[in-house]
Amino acid sequence: MGREFIELFDEWAESYDNTVVGHDEEYKEVFEGYDEILEEVASKVNGTVIEFGVGTGNLSKKLLEKGHNVIGIEPSKEMRAMAKQKVPTLSLLDGDFLNLPELNIKIDAIVSTWAFHHLTDEEKNVAIGKYGHLLEKGGKVVFADTVYENSDAKRAIIEDAEQKGYKNLVDDLNREYYTMQDVLREQFTEHGFYITFKQLNKFVWLIEAEKQ
């Protein structure tokens, strides 16, 4: 999961929940509708669910409340500690999008929010290939993350952030590996999925892919 970002997330763990509820003006639009987005992701899956990039456990909590069996995967030690404090019953493992512990159980769905962009496009393709082997027909990958419709949309979003003086957000948009819808569509299709996109806020799209 882009392990080069672990130190950043260890530092962010303490203030992460304040950021997602809109206390950080720069990231307010990125996390707009945060709770509703988590609800939408949680409502799209059933059964045994792997969550990558658990963070402080907000989505995990909703998944468990819906009666799902949840296996949380989180590379940041500090985030794992925060998640365990918030959701003590959560099964939580060290790992990332590309490095999953051996589970030996049937997985029905894979979910993640605001995290898949930590992988380069090449790494995303490798990860999706792994999920294609892990899931049976009808299994789902449901992600919510910043994705661009096209290069013009990417340019417009970055320029808007620059005009607003959101230096940290601009640095983030340029540093991380936010991708295009066409790239994900091609990758998921290659690995046997049918994929759809639904816009949830200015930045974030629901990415729903079902194994065919």
Protein backbone atom coordinates (compact mmCIF):
# COMPACT_ATOMS: atom_id res chain seq x y z
CA MET A 1 0.00 0.00 0.00
CA GLY A 2 2.60 2.54 -0.88
CA ARG A 3 4.60 1.79 2.27
CA GLU A 4 6.52 5.02 1.69
CA PHE A 5 3.50 6.77 3.22
CA ILE A 6 3.44 4.85 6.53
CA GLU A 7 5.39 7.48 8.46
CA LEU A 8 2.95 10.15 7.28
CA PHE A 9 -0.01 8.08 8.52
CA ASP A 10 1.64 7.30 11.83
CA GLU A 11 1.90 11.06 12.36
CA TRP A 12 -1.65 11.69 11.07
CA ALA A 13 -3.34 9.02 13.23
CA GLU A 14 -4.04 11.33 16.19
CA SER A 15 -5.74 14.06 14.11
CA TYR A 16 -7.22 11.94 11.28
CA ASP A 17 -10.79 11.95 12.61
CA ASN A 18 -10.75 15.73 12.93
CA THR A 19 -9.65 16.03 9.30
CA VAL A 20 -12.38 13.78 7.91
CA VAL A 21 -15.19 15.62 9.69
CA GLY A 22 -14.14 18.88 8.07
CA HIS A 23 -12.01 20.64 10.68
CA ASP A 24 -9.20 21.05 8.12
CA GLU A 25 -10.42 23.62 5.58
CA GLU A 26 -8.05 22.41 2.85
CA TYR A 27 -9.47 18.89 2.91
CA LYS A 28 -13.10 19.77 3.61
CA GLU A 29 -14.25 19.04 0.03
CA VAL A 30 -12.20 15.84 -0.18
CA PHE A 31 -14.07 14.39 2.81
CA GLU A 32 -17.45 16.04 2.15
CA GLY A 33 -20.25 13.61 3.00
CA TYR A 34 -17.76 11.37 4.81
CA ASP A 35 -20.25 9.45 6.93
CA GLU A 36 -22.69 8.95 4.04
CA ILE A 37 -19.85 7.67 1.83
CA LEU A 38 -18.86 5.10 4.46
CA GLU A 39 -22.51 4.03 4.71
CA GLU A 40 -22.75 3.60 0.94
CA VAL A 41 -19.62 1.43 0.79
CA ALA A 42 -20.79 -0.69 3.74
CA SER A 43 -24.22 -1.18 2.17
CA LYS A 44 -22.76 -2.59 -1.07
CA VAL A 45 -21.20 -5.73 0.43
CA ASN A 46 -22.14 -8.87 2.35
CA GLY A 47 -20.49 -11.78 4.12
CA THR A 48 -16.77 -11.90 4.86
CA VAL A 49 -15.12 -8.61 3.95
CA ILE A 50 -11.48 -7.55 3.75
CA GLU A 51 -10.92 -3.86 4.40
CA PHE A 52 -7.62 -2.41 3.21
CA GLY A 53 -6.34 0.79 4.84
CA VAL A 54 -8.52 0.59 7.95
CA GLY A 55 -7.15 3.86 9.34
CA THR A 56 -8.87 4.67 12.64
CA GLY A 57 -11.61 2.10 12.05
CA ASN A 58 -14.55 4.24 10.91
CA LEU A 59 -15.63 2.02 8.00
CA SER A 60 -14.83 -1.16 9.95
CA LYS A 61 -17.25 -0.05 12.66
CA LYS A 62 -20.07 0.38 10.13
CA LEU A 63 -19.33 -2.98 8.48
CA LEU A 64 -19.44 -4.77 11.83
CA GLU A 65 -22.66 -2.99 12.79
CA LYS A 66 -24.21 -4.42 9.61
CA GLY A 67 -23.27 -7.92 10.73
CA HIS A 68 -20.39 -8.52 8.31
CA ASN A 69 -17.34 -10.58 9.20
CA VAL A 70 -14.51 -8.05 8.80
CA ILE A 71 -10.78 -8.61 8.40
CA GLY A 72 -8.98 -5.28 8.67
CA ILE A 73 -5.60 -4.76 6.98
CA GLU A 74 -3.59 -1.68 8.01
CA PRO A 75 0.17 -1.04 7.62
CA SER A 76 0.41 1.87 10.09
CA LYS A 77 1.09 0.78 13.68
CA GLU A 78 -0.38 4.01 15.06
CA MET A 79 -3.55 3.70 12.95
CA ARG A 80 -3.97 0.08 14.08
CA ALA A 81 -3.77 1.20 17.70
CA MET A 82 -6.44 3.88 17.11
CA ALA A 83 -8.71 1.41 15.27
CA LYS A 84 -8.38 -1.23 18.00
CA GLN A 85 -9.29 1.38 20.60
CA LYS A 86 -12.40 2.41 18.63
CA VAL A 87 -13.43 -1.12 17.51
CA PRO A 88 -12.02 -3.65 20.02
CA THR A 89 -13.74 -6.63 18.34
CA LEU A 90 -12.15 -5.95 14.94
CA SER A 91 -9.83 -8.63 13.52
CA LEU A 92 -6.89 -6.42 12.55
CA LEU A 93 -3.72 -7.46 10.72
CA ASP A 94 -0.54 -5.77 9.51
CA GLY A 95 -0.47 -5.70 5.72
CA ASP A 96 -1.38 -3.62 2.69
CA PHE A 97 -3.07 -3.75 -0.73
CA LEU A 98 -0.27 -5.88 -2.16
CA ASN A 99 0.72 -7.90 0.90
CA LEU A 100 -2.14 -9.87 2.39
CA PRO A 101 -1.61 -12.49 5.12
CA GLU A 102 -2.70 -16.06 4.27
CA LEU A 103 -6.36 -16.31 5.35
CA ASN A 104 -7.63 -19.68 4.04
CA ILE A 105 -11.28 -18.58 4.12
CA LYS A 106 -13.77 -17.57 1.43
CA ILE A 107 -13.75 -13.81 0.85
CA ASP A 108 -16.97 -12.22 -0.42
CA ALA A 109 -15.85 -8.62 -0.82
CA ILE A 110 -12.90 -6.23 -0.61
CA VAL A 111 -13.43 -2.63 0.46
CA SER A 112 -11.38 0.51 1.01
CA THR A 113 -11.92 4.25 1.36
CA TRP A 114 -9.49 7.08 0.57
CA ALA A 115 -6.54 4.71 0.20
CA PHE A 116 -6.13 2.95 -3.19
CA HIS A 117 -4.36 6.05 -4.56
CA HIS A 118 -1.30 5.15 -2.49
CA LEU A 119 -0.45 2.60 -5.19
CA THR A 120 1.09 3.50 -8.55
CA ASP A 121 -0.99 2.47 -11.57
CA GLU A 122 1.31 -0.51 -12.09
CA GLU A 123 0.85 -1.58 -8.46
CA LYS A 124 -2.91 -1.09 -8.74
CA ASN A 125 -2.94 -3.54 -11.64
CA VAL A 126 -0.97 -6.12 -9.65
CA ALA A 127 -3.34 -5.68 -6.67
CA ILE A 128 -6.47 -6.03 -8.82
CA GLY A 129 -5.01 -9.21 -10.32
CA LYS A 130 -4.63 -10.63 -6.80
CA TYR A 131 -8.25 -9.73 -5.99
CA GLY A 132 -9.38 -11.40 -9.20
CA HIS A 133 -7.87 -14.68 -7.95
CA LEU A 134 -9.11 -14.19 -4.37
CA LEU A 135 -12.77 -13.54 -5.20
CA GLU A 136 -15.22 -16.01 -6.70
CA LYS A 137 -17.89 -15.12 -9.28
CA GLY A 138 -20.17 -12.45 -7.79
CA GLY A 139 -17.46 -11.28 -5.37
CA LYS A 140 -17.06 -7.52 -5.15
CA VAL A 141 -14.41 -4.84 -4.86
CA VAL A 142 -15.93 -1.61 -3.54
CA PHE A 143 -13.63 1.39 -3.15
CA ALA A 144 -14.32 5.06 -2.53
CA ASP A 145 -11.41 7.26 -3.57
CA THR A 146 -10.34 10.29 -5.55
CA VAL A 147 -10.34 9.37 -9.24
CA TYR A 148 -10.29 11.70 -12.24
CA GLU A 149 -12.73 11.41 -15.14
CA ASN A 150 -9.96 12.57 -17.48
CA SER A 151 -6.82 14.74 -17.63
CA ASP A 152 -8.88 17.94 -18.01
CA ALA A 153 -10.74 17.17 -14.79
CA LYS A 154 -7.44 16.53 -13.00
CA ARG A 155 -6.01 19.84 -14.20
CA ALA A 156 -9.14 21.74 -13.16
CA ILE A 157 -9.15 20.28 -9.64
CA ILE A 158 -5.45 21.03 -9.06
CA GLU A 159 -5.79 24.56 -10.46
CA ASP A 160 -8.80 25.22 -8.20
CA ALA A 161 -6.81 24.10 -5.15
CA GLU A 162 -3.90 26.33 -6.19
CA GLN A 163 -6.19 29.35 -6.58
CA LYS A 164 -7.59 28.75 -3.09
CA GLY A 165 -4.06 28.65 -1.67
CA TYR A 166 -4.42 25.06 -0.45
CA LYS A 167 -0.70 24.24 -0.56
CA ASN A 168 -0.93 20.96 1.38
CA LEU A 169 -3.77 19.70 -0.81
CA VAL A 170 -1.93 20.69 -4.00
CA ASP A 171 1.19 18.87 -2.78
CA ASP A 172 -0.94 15.83 -1.97
CA LEU A 173 -2.65 15.81 -5.39
CA ASN A 174 0.73 16.03 -7.12
CA ARG A 175 2.57 13.55 -4.87
CA GLU A 176 0.13 10.65 -4.65
CA TYR A 177 -1.01 8.35 -7.42
CA TYR A 178 -4.56 9.49 -8.17
CA THR A 179 -5.53 7.80 -11.41
CA MET A 180 -8.04 8.09 -14.27
CA GLN A 181 -11.28 6.15 -14.59
CA ASP A 182 -10.18 4.70 -17.94
CA VAL A 183 -7.09 3.19 -16.32
CA LEU A 184 -9.12 1.46 -13.60
CA ARG A 185 -11.78 0.35 -16.09
CA GLU A 186 -9.14 -1.32 -18.25
CA GLN A 187 -7.39 -2.95 -15.29
CA PHE A 188 -10.52 -4.35 -13.64
CA THR A 189 -11.87 -5.58 -16.98
CA GLU A 190 -8.56 -7.32 -17.74
CA HIS A 191 -8.87 -9.26 -14.48
CA GLY A 192 -12.46 -10.37 -15.00
CA PHE A 193 -14.51 -7.67 -13.31
CA TYR A 194 -17.44 -5.52 -14.44
CA ILE A 195 -16.83 -2.01 -13.08
CA THR A 196 -19.03 1.06 -12.54
CA PHE A 197 -18.30 4.56 -11.20
CA LYS A 198 -20.58 6.87 -9.21
CA GLN A 199 -19.53 10.36 -8.11
CA LEU A 200 -19.96 10.95 -4.37
CA ASN A 201 -18.39 14.41 -3.97
CA LYS A 202 -16.13 16.74 -5.96
CA PHE A 203 -13.14 14.42 -5.47
CA VAL A 204 -14.42 10.98 -4.52
CA TRP A 205 -16.05 8.32 -6.69
CA LEU A 206 -17.59 5.00 -5.70
CA ILE A 207 -15.75 2.28 -7.61
CA GLU A 208 -17.80 -0.91 -7.67
CA ALA A 209 -16.40 -3.97 -9.46
CA GLU A 210 -18.03 -7.39 -9.56
CA LYS A 211 -16.18 -10.59 -10.50
CA GLN A 212 -17.72 -12.16 -13.61
